[in-house]
Amino acid sequence: MAASSESKAKLSSKIGGAAAKLRQVNPGVAKGSAQSGLAGAKEVLQLAVSYAKQETVDPLRGASRYLAFGLAASALIGTGLVLVMLGALRGVQTLTGADHQRGHLSGSWSWAPYFITLFICLAVIGAIVVAMRRSIRSGGTSR
C-alpha cells in the first residue's frame, strides 16, 4: 500500500511540474481554473503547433540563410576564378609569344596556352576538393 501511495505522489509531482511548464508557456491559464475538454485540447494543439514550428521552421530559416550566403559566395568565387584564369591565359600567351605571328607557340602550337591554363584550372579545382575533404573529415572546422 505504501508503494502505491509513493507512486501516486511521484505521478502527482510530475503532473504538477508539467502544469507549471504549461503555465510558463501560456501564463493566461490560472493554477486552479477548470477548463472544458475542448479548451484543453485547443491549448494542447496550440502547444504542439508552436513546438513543431520551433523544431522545424526556425532551423529551416537558419539553413536557408546559410544556403543563400553559400550560393552567393560560390557564385562570386566562381566568377573570380574565371577572370583569374582568363588573366592567366593572357599572361601565358604573352610570355610564350603565342599572341604574335612569330612567337614560340604560334602556328601548330597555338593550343598550348589553352592547355596550360586548363591544367592550372584543374589544379586549383583539385586543391579546393582536397581542402573540402579535409574540412569534412575534421568535422567542419578549419585548421
N, C-alpha and C. Protein backbone atom coordinates (compact mmCIF):
# COMPACT_ATOMS: atom_id res chain seq x y z
N MET A 1 0.82 -1.18 0.00
CA MET A 1 0.00 0.00 0.00
C MET A 1 0.86 1.25 0.00
N ALA A 2 2.02 1.18 0.72
CA ALA A 2 2.91 2.34 0.79
C ALA A 2 3.54 2.63 -0.57
N ALA A 3 3.85 1.57 -1.33
CA ALA A 3 4.43 1.75 -2.66
C ALA A 3 3.43 2.44 -3.58
N SER A 4 2.16 2.10 -3.43
CA SER A 4 1.13 2.71 -4.26
C SER A 4 1.00 4.19 -3.96
N SER A 5 1.07 4.56 -2.69
CA SER A 5 0.96 5.98 -2.34
C SER A 5 2.20 6.74 -2.79
N GLU A 6 3.37 6.09 -2.77
CA GLU A 6 4.60 6.74 -3.25
C GLU A 6 4.51 6.99 -4.75
N SER A 7 4.02 6.00 -5.50
CA SER A 7 3.91 6.18 -6.95
C SER A 7 2.88 7.24 -7.28
N LYS A 8 1.81 7.33 -6.49
CA LYS A 8 0.82 8.38 -6.70
C LYS A 8 1.43 9.75 -6.43
N ALA A 9 2.28 9.82 -5.40
CA ALA A 9 2.92 11.09 -5.07
C ALA A 9 3.88 11.51 -6.19
N LYS A 10 4.63 10.56 -6.72
CA LYS A 10 5.55 10.86 -7.83
C LYS A 10 4.78 11.32 -9.06
N LEU A 11 3.69 10.62 -9.37
CA LEU A 11 2.87 10.98 -10.51
C LEU A 11 2.26 12.36 -10.33
N SER A 12 1.82 12.64 -9.11
CA SER A 12 1.24 13.95 -8.82
C SER A 12 2.28 15.06 -8.98
N SER A 13 3.53 14.79 -8.55
CA SER A 13 4.57 15.81 -8.70
C SER A 13 4.94 16.01 -10.16
N LYS A 14 4.93 14.94 -10.96
CA LYS A 14 5.20 15.07 -12.39
C LYS A 14 4.12 15.89 -13.08
N ILE A 15 2.87 15.62 -12.72
CA ILE A 15 1.75 16.37 -13.30
C ILE A 15 1.84 17.83 -12.89
N GLY A 16 2.19 18.07 -11.64
CA GLY A 16 2.35 19.45 -11.17
C GLY A 16 3.47 20.16 -11.92
N GLY A 17 4.58 19.43 -12.20
CA GLY A 17 5.68 20.02 -12.96
C GLY A 17 5.27 20.34 -14.38
N ALA A 18 4.49 19.43 -14.99
CA ALA A 18 4.01 19.67 -16.35
C ALA A 18 3.05 20.86 -16.38
N ALA A 19 2.22 20.97 -15.35
CA ALA A 19 1.29 22.11 -15.29
C ALA A 19 2.07 23.41 -15.12
N ALA A 20 3.15 23.37 -14.34
CA ALA A 20 3.96 24.58 -14.16
C ALA A 20 4.61 24.99 -15.48
N LYS A 21 5.10 24.01 -16.24
CA LYS A 21 5.68 24.32 -17.55
C LYS A 21 4.63 24.89 -18.48
N LEU A 22 3.41 24.33 -18.43
CA LEU A 22 2.34 24.82 -19.26
C LEU A 22 1.99 26.26 -18.89
N ARG A 23 2.00 26.58 -17.61
CA ARG A 23 1.71 27.95 -17.19
C ARG A 23 2.81 28.90 -17.64
N GLN A 24 4.06 28.39 -17.74
CA GLN A 24 5.14 29.25 -18.25
C GLN A 24 4.93 29.55 -19.73
N VAL A 25 4.48 28.55 -20.48
CA VAL A 25 4.24 28.74 -21.91
C VAL A 25 3.02 29.61 -22.13
N ASN A 26 1.96 29.37 -21.36
CA ASN A 26 0.71 30.11 -21.51
C ASN A 26 0.32 30.68 -20.14
N PRO A 27 0.83 31.86 -19.80
CA PRO A 27 0.60 32.40 -18.47
C PRO A 27 -0.86 32.77 -18.21
N GLY A 28 -1.72 32.78 -19.21
CA GLY A 28 -3.12 33.13 -19.01
C GLY A 28 -3.90 32.05 -18.29
N VAL A 29 -3.32 30.85 -18.16
CA VAL A 29 -4.02 29.76 -17.51
C VAL A 29 -3.79 29.89 -16.00
N ALA A 30 -4.86 30.03 -15.25
CA ALA A 30 -4.74 30.13 -13.79
C ALA A 30 -4.47 28.76 -13.21
N LYS A 31 -3.90 28.74 -12.01
CA LYS A 31 -3.48 27.50 -11.40
C LYS A 31 -4.65 26.55 -11.16
N GLY A 32 -5.72 27.02 -10.64
CA GLY A 32 -6.81 26.14 -10.28
C GLY A 32 -8.01 26.27 -11.19
N SER A 33 -7.86 26.86 -12.36
CA SER A 33 -9.03 27.09 -13.21
C SER A 33 -9.49 25.79 -13.82
N ALA A 34 -10.78 25.65 -13.92
CA ALA A 34 -11.37 24.45 -14.51
C ALA A 34 -11.64 24.75 -15.98
N GLN A 35 -11.04 23.95 -16.83
CA GLN A 35 -11.23 24.17 -18.27
C GLN A 35 -12.04 23.02 -18.84
N SER A 36 -12.79 23.32 -19.86
CA SER A 36 -13.53 22.25 -20.54
C SER A 36 -12.54 21.43 -21.35
N GLY A 37 -12.97 20.26 -21.76
CA GLY A 37 -12.10 19.38 -22.55
C GLY A 37 -11.72 19.99 -23.88
N LEU A 38 -12.62 20.74 -24.48
CA LEU A 38 -12.35 21.36 -25.77
C LEU A 38 -11.28 22.44 -25.65
N ALA A 39 -11.37 23.25 -24.60
CA ALA A 39 -10.37 24.30 -24.40
C ALA A 39 -9.00 23.70 -24.12
N GLY A 40 -8.97 22.63 -23.37
CA GLY A 40 -7.70 21.95 -23.09
C GLY A 40 -7.10 21.36 -24.34
N ALA A 41 -7.95 20.79 -25.19
CA ALA A 41 -7.48 20.21 -26.45
C ALA A 41 -6.93 21.30 -27.36
N LYS A 42 -7.61 22.45 -27.39
CA LYS A 42 -7.11 23.56 -28.20
C LYS A 42 -5.76 24.03 -27.70
N GLU A 43 -5.61 24.06 -26.39
CA GLU A 43 -4.35 24.50 -25.81
C GLU A 43 -3.22 23.52 -26.14
N VAL A 44 -3.54 22.23 -26.05
CA VAL A 44 -2.54 21.21 -26.38
C VAL A 44 -2.17 21.30 -27.86
N LEU A 45 -3.17 21.53 -28.71
CA LEU A 45 -2.91 21.67 -30.14
C LEU A 45 -2.03 22.90 -30.40
N GLN A 46 -2.33 24.01 -29.73
CA GLN A 46 -1.53 25.22 -29.89
C GLN A 46 -0.09 24.99 -29.41
N LEU A 47 0.05 24.26 -28.32
CA LEU A 47 1.37 23.94 -27.80
C LEU A 47 2.14 23.05 -28.78
N ALA A 48 1.44 22.07 -29.36
CA ALA A 48 2.08 21.18 -30.33
C ALA A 48 2.51 21.94 -31.58
N VAL A 49 1.66 22.84 -32.05
CA VAL A 49 1.99 23.63 -33.25
C VAL A 49 3.18 24.53 -32.98
N SER A 50 3.20 25.19 -31.83
CA SER A 50 4.33 26.08 -31.52
C SER A 50 5.61 25.27 -31.36
N TYR A 51 5.52 24.07 -30.79
CA TYR A 51 6.70 23.22 -30.66
C TYR A 51 7.19 22.77 -32.03
N ALA A 52 6.27 22.40 -32.91
CA ALA A 52 6.65 21.97 -34.26
C ALA A 52 7.33 23.11 -35.02
N LYS A 53 6.80 24.32 -34.88
CA LYS A 53 7.43 25.47 -35.54
C LYS A 53 8.83 25.70 -34.99
N GLN A 54 8.95 25.58 -33.68
CA GLN A 54 10.25 25.81 -33.05
C GLN A 54 11.28 24.80 -33.53
N GLU A 55 10.86 23.56 -33.70
CA GLU A 55 11.80 22.50 -34.05
C GLU A 55 12.00 22.30 -35.54
N THR A 56 11.12 22.84 -36.39
CA THR A 56 11.27 22.63 -37.84
C THR A 56 11.45 23.92 -38.61
N VAL A 57 10.55 24.86 -38.44
CA VAL A 57 10.56 26.07 -39.26
C VAL A 57 11.76 26.95 -38.92
N ASP A 58 12.03 27.16 -37.65
CA ASP A 58 13.15 28.03 -37.26
C ASP A 58 14.50 27.49 -37.74
N PRO A 59 14.80 26.19 -37.58
CA PRO A 59 16.06 25.69 -38.14
C PRO A 59 16.12 25.79 -39.66
N LEU A 60 14.97 25.62 -40.33
CA LEU A 60 14.97 25.74 -41.79
C LEU A 60 15.26 27.17 -42.22
N ARG A 61 14.77 28.15 -41.45
CA ARG A 61 15.09 29.54 -41.77
C ARG A 61 16.59 29.79 -41.64
N GLY A 62 17.19 29.24 -40.60
CA GLY A 62 18.63 29.38 -40.44
C GLY A 62 19.39 28.68 -41.55
N ALA A 63 18.91 27.51 -41.95
CA ALA A 63 19.57 26.77 -43.03
C ALA A 63 19.42 27.50 -44.36
N SER A 64 18.26 28.11 -44.59
CA SER A 64 18.08 28.83 -45.85
C SER A 64 18.99 30.05 -45.91
N ARG A 65 19.19 30.71 -44.79
CA ARG A 65 20.12 31.85 -44.75
C ARG A 65 21.54 31.36 -45.04
N TYR A 66 21.91 30.25 -44.43
CA TYR A 66 23.23 29.66 -44.64
C TYR A 66 23.40 29.26 -46.11
N LEU A 67 22.37 28.67 -46.69
CA LEU A 67 22.41 28.26 -48.09
C LEU A 67 22.51 29.46 -49.02
N ALA A 68 21.78 30.53 -48.72
CA ALA A 68 21.82 31.73 -49.56
C ALA A 68 23.22 32.35 -49.56
N PHE A 69 23.83 32.46 -48.39
CA PHE A 69 25.18 33.01 -48.34
C PHE A 69 26.17 32.08 -49.04
N GLY A 70 25.98 30.77 -48.93
CA GLY A 70 26.86 29.82 -49.61
C GLY A 70 26.76 29.92 -51.12
N LEU A 71 25.52 30.05 -51.62
CA LEU A 71 25.34 30.18 -53.07
C LEU A 71 25.92 31.50 -53.58
N ALA A 72 25.71 32.58 -52.85
CA ALA A 72 26.27 33.87 -53.27
C ALA A 72 27.80 33.81 -53.27
N ALA A 73 28.37 33.21 -52.24
CA ALA A 73 29.83 33.11 -52.17
C ALA A 73 30.38 32.24 -53.30
N SER A 74 29.71 31.13 -53.59
CA SER A 74 30.22 30.26 -54.66
C SER A 74 30.10 30.95 -56.03
N ALA A 75 29.04 31.72 -56.23
CA ALA A 75 28.91 32.46 -57.49
C ALA A 75 30.02 33.50 -57.63
N LEU A 76 30.30 34.22 -56.56
CA LEU A 76 31.35 35.23 -56.62
C LEU A 76 32.73 34.60 -56.78
N ILE A 77 32.97 33.52 -56.06
CA ILE A 77 34.27 32.84 -56.18
C ILE A 77 34.43 32.26 -57.58
N GLY A 78 33.36 31.67 -58.12
CA GLY A 78 33.41 31.13 -59.49
C GLY A 78 33.70 32.21 -60.52
N THR A 79 33.03 33.35 -60.38
CA THR A 79 33.28 34.46 -61.31
C THR A 79 34.72 34.95 -61.18
N GLY A 80 35.19 35.06 -59.97
CA GLY A 80 36.57 35.49 -59.75
C GLY A 80 37.58 34.53 -60.34
N LEU A 81 37.33 33.22 -60.18
CA LEU A 81 38.25 32.24 -60.75
C LEU A 81 38.25 32.26 -62.28
N VAL A 82 37.10 32.48 -62.87
CA VAL A 82 37.04 32.59 -64.34
C VAL A 82 37.87 33.78 -64.81
N LEU A 83 37.73 34.91 -64.12
CA LEU A 83 38.50 36.09 -64.51
C LEU A 83 40.00 35.89 -64.29
N VAL A 84 40.36 35.22 -63.20
CA VAL A 84 41.78 34.94 -62.94
C VAL A 84 42.34 34.00 -64.01
N MET A 85 41.55 33.00 -64.42
CA MET A 85 42.01 32.07 -65.45
C MET A 85 42.14 32.77 -66.80
N LEU A 86 41.24 33.70 -67.10
CA LEU A 86 41.40 34.48 -68.34
C LEU A 86 42.68 35.32 -68.28
N GLY A 87 42.95 35.89 -67.13
CA GLY A 87 44.20 36.63 -66.96
C GLY A 87 45.41 35.73 -67.10
N ALA A 88 45.32 34.52 -66.54
CA ALA A 88 46.44 33.57 -66.66
C ALA A 88 46.65 33.16 -68.11
N LEU A 89 45.56 32.94 -68.84
CA LEU A 89 45.66 32.61 -70.26
C LEU A 89 46.35 33.73 -71.03
N ARG A 90 45.93 34.95 -70.77
CA ARG A 90 46.55 36.09 -71.47
C ARG A 90 48.02 36.22 -71.09
N GLY A 91 48.33 35.96 -69.82
CA GLY A 91 49.74 36.01 -69.39
C GLY A 91 50.58 34.94 -70.06
N VAL A 92 50.06 33.72 -70.16
CA VAL A 92 50.79 32.64 -70.81
C VAL A 92 50.96 32.95 -72.30
N GLN A 93 49.94 33.49 -72.91
CA GLN A 93 50.06 33.85 -74.33
C GLN A 93 51.12 34.92 -74.54
N THR A 94 51.18 35.88 -73.63
CA THR A 94 52.18 36.94 -73.77
C THR A 94 53.58 36.40 -73.51
N LEU A 95 53.74 35.56 -72.49
CA LEU A 95 55.07 35.03 -72.15
C LEU A 95 55.61 34.10 -73.23
N THR A 96 54.74 33.33 -73.85
CA THR A 96 55.21 32.37 -74.85
C THR A 96 55.21 32.94 -76.26
N GLY A 97 54.69 34.13 -76.43
CA GLY A 97 54.67 34.74 -77.75
C GLY A 97 53.58 34.21 -78.64
N ALA A 98 52.61 33.54 -78.07
CA ALA A 98 51.52 32.98 -78.88
C ALA A 98 50.61 34.06 -79.42
N ASP A 99 50.71 35.27 -78.88
CA ASP A 99 49.86 36.35 -79.37
C ASP A 99 50.48 37.05 -80.58
N HIS A 100 51.68 36.65 -80.96
CA HIS A 100 52.34 37.22 -82.15
C HIS A 100 52.48 36.12 -83.20
N GLN A 101 52.69 36.52 -84.44
CA GLN A 101 52.80 35.54 -85.52
C GLN A 101 54.11 34.75 -85.44
N ARG A 102 55.14 35.32 -84.86
CA ARG A 102 56.44 34.63 -84.85
C ARG A 102 56.86 34.23 -83.44
N GLY A 103 55.93 34.02 -82.55
CA GLY A 103 56.25 33.65 -81.17
C GLY A 103 56.64 32.18 -81.07
N HIS A 104 57.02 31.77 -79.85
CA HIS A 104 57.44 30.39 -79.61
C HIS A 104 56.31 29.39 -79.85
N LEU A 105 55.12 29.78 -79.45
CA LEU A 105 53.99 28.85 -79.56
C LEU A 105 52.96 29.34 -80.56
N SER A 106 53.40 29.73 -81.71
CA SER A 106 52.46 30.15 -82.76
C SER A 106 52.31 29.01 -83.76
N GLY A 107 51.39 29.15 -84.63
CA GLY A 107 51.18 28.11 -85.65
C GLY A 107 50.49 26.89 -85.06
N SER A 108 51.14 25.71 -85.24
CA SER A 108 50.52 24.47 -84.78
C SER A 108 50.57 24.32 -83.25
N TRP A 109 51.32 25.17 -82.57
CA TRP A 109 51.39 25.12 -81.09
C TRP A 109 50.51 26.19 -80.44
N SER A 110 49.61 26.78 -81.16
CA SER A 110 48.78 27.84 -80.60
C SER A 110 47.81 27.33 -79.53
N TRP A 111 47.58 26.04 -79.45
CA TRP A 111 46.70 25.45 -78.45
C TRP A 111 47.37 25.33 -77.09
N ALA A 112 48.68 25.38 -77.02
CA ALA A 112 49.42 25.12 -75.77
C ALA A 112 49.04 26.07 -74.64
N PRO A 113 48.91 27.39 -74.84
CA PRO A 113 48.50 28.25 -73.73
C PRO A 113 47.13 27.88 -73.15
N TYR A 114 46.22 27.42 -74.00
CA TYR A 114 44.90 27.00 -73.52
C TYR A 114 45.03 25.74 -72.66
N PHE A 115 45.87 24.81 -73.09
CA PHE A 115 46.10 23.58 -72.33
C PHE A 115 46.77 23.90 -70.99
N ILE A 116 47.75 24.80 -71.00
CA ILE A 116 48.42 25.20 -69.76
C ILE A 116 47.42 25.84 -68.80
N THR A 117 46.56 26.70 -69.32
CA THR A 117 45.55 27.34 -68.47
C THR A 117 44.55 26.31 -67.95
N LEU A 118 44.17 25.35 -68.78
CA LEU A 118 43.27 24.29 -68.33
C LEU A 118 43.92 23.48 -67.21
N PHE A 119 45.20 23.18 -67.35
CA PHE A 119 45.93 22.45 -66.31
C PHE A 119 45.95 23.24 -65.00
N ILE A 120 46.21 24.53 -65.08
CA ILE A 120 46.21 25.38 -63.88
C ILE A 120 44.81 25.38 -63.24
N CYS A 121 43.78 25.49 -64.05
CA CYS A 121 42.40 25.49 -63.55
C CYS A 121 42.07 24.17 -62.85
N LEU A 122 42.46 23.05 -63.45
CA LEU A 122 42.23 21.74 -62.83
C LEU A 122 43.01 21.60 -61.53
N ALA A 123 44.21 22.15 -61.46
CA ALA A 123 44.99 22.11 -60.23
C ALA A 123 44.29 22.91 -59.12
N VAL A 124 43.73 24.05 -59.47
CA VAL A 124 43.01 24.87 -58.48
C VAL A 124 41.77 24.12 -58.01
N ILE A 125 41.02 23.51 -58.91
CA ILE A 125 39.83 22.74 -58.53
C ILE A 125 40.22 21.57 -57.65
N GLY A 126 41.31 20.88 -57.99
CA GLY A 126 41.80 19.77 -57.16
C GLY A 126 42.17 20.23 -55.76
N ALA A 127 42.81 21.38 -55.65
CA ALA A 127 43.17 21.91 -54.32
C ALA A 127 41.92 22.24 -53.51
N ILE A 128 40.90 22.76 -54.16
CA ILE A 128 39.65 23.07 -53.47
C ILE A 128 38.98 21.79 -52.98
N VAL A 129 38.96 20.75 -53.81
CA VAL A 129 38.34 19.48 -53.42
C VAL A 129 39.09 18.86 -52.25
N VAL A 130 40.41 18.89 -52.27
CA VAL A 130 41.20 18.35 -51.16
C VAL A 130 40.91 19.12 -49.87
N ALA A 131 40.82 20.44 -49.97
CA ALA A 131 40.51 21.25 -48.78
C ALA A 131 39.12 20.94 -48.25
N MET A 132 38.16 20.72 -49.14
CA MET A 132 36.81 20.38 -48.70
C MET A 132 36.78 19.02 -48.02
N ARG A 133 37.49 18.05 -48.55
CA ARG A 133 37.52 16.72 -47.93
C ARG A 133 38.18 16.77 -46.55
N ARG A 134 39.24 17.54 -46.42
CA ARG A 134 39.87 17.68 -45.11
C ARG A 134 38.92 18.33 -44.12
N SER A 135 38.19 19.32 -44.58
CA SER A 135 37.23 20.01 -43.71
C SER A 135 36.11 19.06 -43.27
N ILE A 136 35.64 18.22 -44.18
CA ILE A 136 34.59 17.27 -43.84
C ILE A 136 35.11 16.24 -42.85
N ARG A 137 36.32 15.73 -43.07
CA ARG A 137 36.89 14.72 -42.17
C ARG A 137 37.12 15.28 -40.78
N SER A 138 37.50 16.54 -40.69
CA SER A 138 37.79 17.11 -39.37
C SER A 138 36.53 17.64 -38.69
N GLY A 139 35.38 17.39 -39.25
CA GLY A 139 34.15 17.81 -38.63
C GLY A 139 33.72 19.21 -38.98
N GLY A 140 34.22 19.77 -40.05
CA GLY A 140 33.79 21.09 -40.49
C GLY A 140 34.58 22.24 -39.90
N THR A 141 35.58 21.95 -39.09
CA THR A 141 36.37 23.02 -38.52
C THR A 141 37.58 23.27 -39.40
N SER A 142 37.97 24.52 -39.51
CA SER A 142 39.14 24.84 -40.33
C SER A 142 40.40 24.65 -39.50
N ARG A 143 41.48 24.34 -40.19
CA ARG A 143 42.75 24.09 -39.47
C ARG A 143 43.63 25.30 -39.51
